[in-house]
Amino acid sequence: MQLADTREQMIEQQVRAWDVLDERVLAVLRQVPRELFTPDTQRYVAYADVEVPLAQGQHMLRPSVVGRLLQALLPAAAEQVLEIGAGSGFVSACLRVMASRVTSLELYPELAEAARRNLALLGMRDVAVVDADALAGGRGERYDVIAMTASLPLYDERFEHAQHRRPAVRDRGYATGDGRAAGAAHGRRLLRRAEPVRDGD
């Protein structure tokens, strides 16, 4: 089976089955070649709805979960996105197709380098993969959308607190202007906060 056919089968039978119906999101999943972001030894499952192992014990999110994440956020063409957890760079690329600029923070240098290399293969511009710990703090940057694609080894109330502040959803120096954030952790949970939030202390 050709890759294009396999990709279409993934979208129609796996992603749509998870109620990912937004045509803009489906178009992005058709456009970004997931196999280029998958390790060579795992490319045979690039379009299967499974978590693909990466270095440092990390995983690529299942395509269905990526679809749900993108649909929860729906970044506009002029918006800037902060992604926490670059992984292979696949979600970074999808977000960049939808938005104007993506900054992705990656804790593991090995993954950050691989993500930069994968994105360069596509000629993907306006995506900055930064070696950084999201919990270490930012410099007050503001983003329209925050996508959390990393998981936390332990519960950290700073991320919970970040979901309930207004006018900016702010955590350790990172902020969004309208409170739109969503996250996924290895396909087991999808967190969404797209509606307006109340003023906090």
Protein backbone atom coordinates (compact mmCIF):
# COMPACT_ATOMS: atom_id res chain seq x y z
CA MET A 1 0.00 0.00 0.00
CA GLN A 2 1.28 3.47 -0.91
CA LEU A 3 2.03 5.97 1.87
CA ALA A 4 -0.66 8.34 0.62
CA ASP A 5 -3.25 5.56 0.86
CA THR A 6 -2.04 4.57 4.33
CA ARG A 7 -2.20 8.20 5.47
CA GLU A 8 -5.74 8.57 4.17
CA GLN A 9 -6.77 5.34 5.87
CA MET A 10 -5.35 6.67 9.15
CA ILE A 11 -7.41 9.84 8.83
CA GLU A 12 -10.66 8.21 7.77
CA GLN A 13 -10.62 5.15 10.05
CA GLN A 14 -8.65 6.28 13.10
CA VAL A 15 -8.66 10.06 13.43
CA ARG A 16 -12.29 10.64 12.41
CA ALA A 17 -13.32 7.82 14.73
CA TRP A 18 -12.10 10.01 17.60
CA ASP A 19 -14.53 12.75 16.54
CA VAL A 20 -11.85 14.80 14.85
CA LEU A 21 -14.04 16.27 12.12
CA ASP A 22 -12.64 19.76 11.56
CA GLU A 23 -11.58 19.85 7.91
CA ARG A 24 -8.70 22.21 8.59
CA VAL A 25 -7.20 19.73 11.06
CA LEU A 26 -7.70 16.80 8.70
CA ALA A 27 -6.04 18.77 5.91
CA VAL A 28 -3.00 19.40 8.13
CA LEU A 29 -2.70 15.69 8.93
CA ARG A 30 -2.80 14.97 5.20
CA GLN A 31 -0.16 17.62 4.49
CA VAL A 32 2.50 16.81 7.11
CA PRO A 33 4.31 13.53 6.32
CA ARG A 34 4.34 11.72 9.65
CA GLU A 35 6.80 9.11 8.37
CA LEU A 36 9.56 11.77 8.16
CA PHE A 37 9.26 12.31 11.91
CA THR A 38 9.21 8.63 12.82
CA PRO A 39 12.49 6.85 13.69
CA ASP A 40 13.76 4.69 10.85
CA THR A 41 13.14 1.47 12.79
CA GLN A 42 9.52 2.46 13.44
CA ARG A 43 8.43 3.85 10.08
CA TYR A 44 6.30 0.82 9.36
CA VAL A 45 3.90 2.06 12.08
CA ALA A 46 4.04 5.75 11.13
CA TYR A 47 0.33 5.74 10.25
CA ALA A 48 -0.90 3.26 12.84
CA ASP A 49 -2.82 4.72 15.77
CA VAL A 50 -0.12 3.83 18.28
CA GLU A 51 2.47 5.63 20.36
CA VAL A 52 5.81 5.42 18.54
CA PRO A 53 8.85 5.07 20.83
CA LEU A 54 11.44 7.84 20.78
CA ALA A 55 14.73 8.36 22.62
CA GLN A 56 14.81 9.00 26.37
CA GLY A 57 11.77 6.80 26.95
CA GLN A 58 9.48 9.30 25.20
CA HIS A 59 6.83 8.61 22.55
CA MET A 60 5.14 10.24 19.59
CA LEU A 61 1.49 10.83 20.35
CA ARG A 62 -1.04 8.67 18.55
CA PRO A 63 -2.41 10.36 15.41
CA SER A 64 -5.92 10.38 16.89
CA VAL A 65 -4.67 12.27 19.95
CA VAL A 66 -2.76 14.74 17.77
CA GLY A 67 -5.98 15.35 15.88
CA ARG A 68 -7.91 15.98 19.10
CA LEU A 69 -5.21 18.34 20.34
CA LEU A 70 -5.20 20.38 17.13
CA GLN A 71 -9.00 20.48 17.07
CA ALA A 72 -9.11 21.67 20.69
CA LEU A 73 -6.75 24.54 19.91
CA LEU A 74 -7.48 25.45 16.26
CA PRO A 75 -4.77 28.13 16.12
CA ALA A 76 -5.50 30.89 13.63
CA ALA A 77 -3.09 31.73 10.83
CA ALA A 78 -1.80 34.86 12.56
CA GLU A 79 -1.35 33.33 16.02
CA GLN A 80 1.83 32.37 17.85
CA VAL A 81 1.98 29.01 19.61
CA LEU A 82 4.04 27.73 22.53
CA GLU A 83 4.49 23.96 22.55
CA ILE A 84 5.79 22.23 25.64
CA GLY A 85 7.54 19.05 24.51
CA ALA A 86 8.87 18.94 20.93
CA GLY A 87 9.35 15.17 20.77
CA SER A 88 9.96 14.27 17.12
CA GLY A 89 8.73 17.66 15.87
CA PHE A 90 5.61 16.25 14.22
CA VAL A 91 3.11 18.20 16.32
CA SER A 92 5.34 21.28 15.98
CA ALA A 93 5.06 20.99 12.21
CA CYS A 94 1.29 20.54 12.34
CA LEU A 95 0.93 23.59 14.57
CA ARG A 96 3.14 25.64 12.24
CA VAL A 97 0.97 24.79 9.23
CA MET A 98 -1.98 26.24 11.15
CA ALA A 99 -0.30 29.19 12.91
CA SER A 100 2.25 31.90 12.09
CA ARG A 101 5.02 30.83 14.46
CA VAL A 102 5.73 27.99 16.89
CA THR A 103 8.19 27.92 19.77
CA SER A 104 8.70 24.43 21.15
CA LEU A 105 10.47 23.74 24.44
CA GLU A 106 12.18 20.35 24.73
CA LEU A 107 13.78 19.05 27.91
CA TYR A 108 16.00 16.43 26.23
CA PRO A 109 18.73 17.79 23.92
CA GLU A 110 18.75 14.56 21.90
CA LEU A 111 15.06 14.97 21.08
CA ALA A 112 15.42 18.70 20.44
CA GLU A 113 18.17 18.06 17.89
CA ALA A 114 16.15 15.32 16.18
CA ALA A 115 13.10 17.60 16.01
CA ARG A 116 15.15 20.41 14.47
CA ARG A 117 16.59 17.99 11.93
CA ASN A 118 13.15 16.61 11.01
CA LEU A 119 11.67 20.08 10.63
CA ALA A 120 14.61 21.18 8.47
CA LEU A 121 13.97 18.27 6.11
CA LEU A 122 10.57 19.82 5.40
CA GLY A 123 12.02 23.31 5.05
CA MET A 124 9.78 24.27 7.96
CA ARG A 125 10.47 27.86 8.96
CA ASP A 126 9.20 29.89 11.88
CA VAL A 127 9.51 26.90 14.21
CA ALA A 128 12.04 27.34 17.00
CA VAL A 129 12.90 24.21 18.97
CA VAL A 130 14.56 25.36 22.19
CA ASP A 131 16.48 23.18 24.64
CA ALA A 132 14.66 24.18 27.80
CA ASP A 133 12.73 23.00 30.83
CA ALA A 134 9.28 24.60 30.75
CA LEU A 135 9.18 24.63 34.56
CA ALA A 136 12.45 26.56 34.77
CA GLY A 137 10.71 29.77 33.75
CA GLY A 138 10.42 32.02 30.74
CA ARG A 139 11.17 35.66 30.03
CA GLY A 140 7.61 36.92 30.00
CA GLU A 141 6.87 35.86 26.43
CA ARG A 142 3.25 35.96 25.36
CA TYR A 143 1.55 33.40 23.14
CA ASP A 144 -1.91 33.09 21.68
CA VAL A 145 -2.02 29.32 22.21
CA ILE A 146 -0.21 26.84 24.46
CA ALA A 147 0.01 23.17 23.51
CA MET A 148 1.28 20.76 26.15
CA THR A 149 2.47 17.61 24.41
CA ALA A 150 4.83 16.57 27.21
CA SER A 151 3.90 14.62 30.29
CA LEU A 152 4.86 15.29 33.89
CA PRO A 153 6.53 12.47 35.85
CA LEU A 154 4.90 13.91 38.97
CA TYR A 155 1.88 16.15 39.49
CA ASP A 156 2.87 19.81 39.54
CA GLU A 157 0.31 22.35 40.71
CA ARG A 158 1.93 25.12 38.68
CA PHE A 159 0.32 23.79 35.50
CA GLU A 160 -3.03 23.43 37.23
CA HIS A 161 -2.77 26.98 38.53
CA ALA A 162 -1.94 28.21 35.03
CA GLN A 163 -5.39 27.13 33.83
CA HIS A 164 -7.26 29.52 36.12
CA ARG A 165 -5.73 32.96 35.64
CA ARG A 166 -6.94 35.97 33.68
CA PRO A 167 -6.42 38.17 31.69
CA ALA A 168 -3.42 36.03 30.80
CA VAL A 169 -3.03 32.34 31.43
CA ARG A 170 0.44 32.59 32.88
CA ASP A 171 2.87 30.07 34.30
CA ARG A 172 6.55 30.64 35.07
CA GLY A 173 6.74 33.55 32.67
CA TYR A 174 4.78 32.08 29.76
CA ALA A 175 1.36 33.45 28.97
CA THR A 176 -1.52 33.34 26.54
CA GLY A 177 -3.75 36.31 26.02
CA ASP A 178 -7.08 34.47 25.94
CA GLY A 179 -6.60 31.32 27.97
CA ARG A 180 -6.57 28.81 25.12
CA ALA A 181 -4.48 25.83 26.12
CA ALA A 182 -4.69 22.12 25.55
CA GLY A 183 -2.49 19.19 26.35
CA ALA A 184 -2.03 15.48 25.92
CA ALA A 185 0.18 13.02 27.75
CA HIS A 186 1.00 9.83 25.86
CA GLY A 187 -2.54 9.60 24.55
CA ARG A 188 -4.13 8.99 27.95
CA ARG A 189 -5.48 12.43 28.71
CA LEU A 190 -6.58 15.49 26.80
CA LEU A 191 -6.84 18.72 28.76
CA ARG A 192 -8.65 21.61 27.20
CA ARG A 193 -9.16 25.18 28.33
CA ALA A 194 -10.48 27.11 25.37
CA GLU A 195 -13.25 29.10 27.03
CA PRO A 196 -12.69 32.42 28.89
CA VAL A 197 -11.40 32.03 32.43
CA ARG A 198 -12.08 34.17 35.49
CA ASP A 199 -9.72 36.65 37.06
CA GLY A 200 -7.33 35.06 39.53
CA ASP A 201 -5.00 36.35 42.19
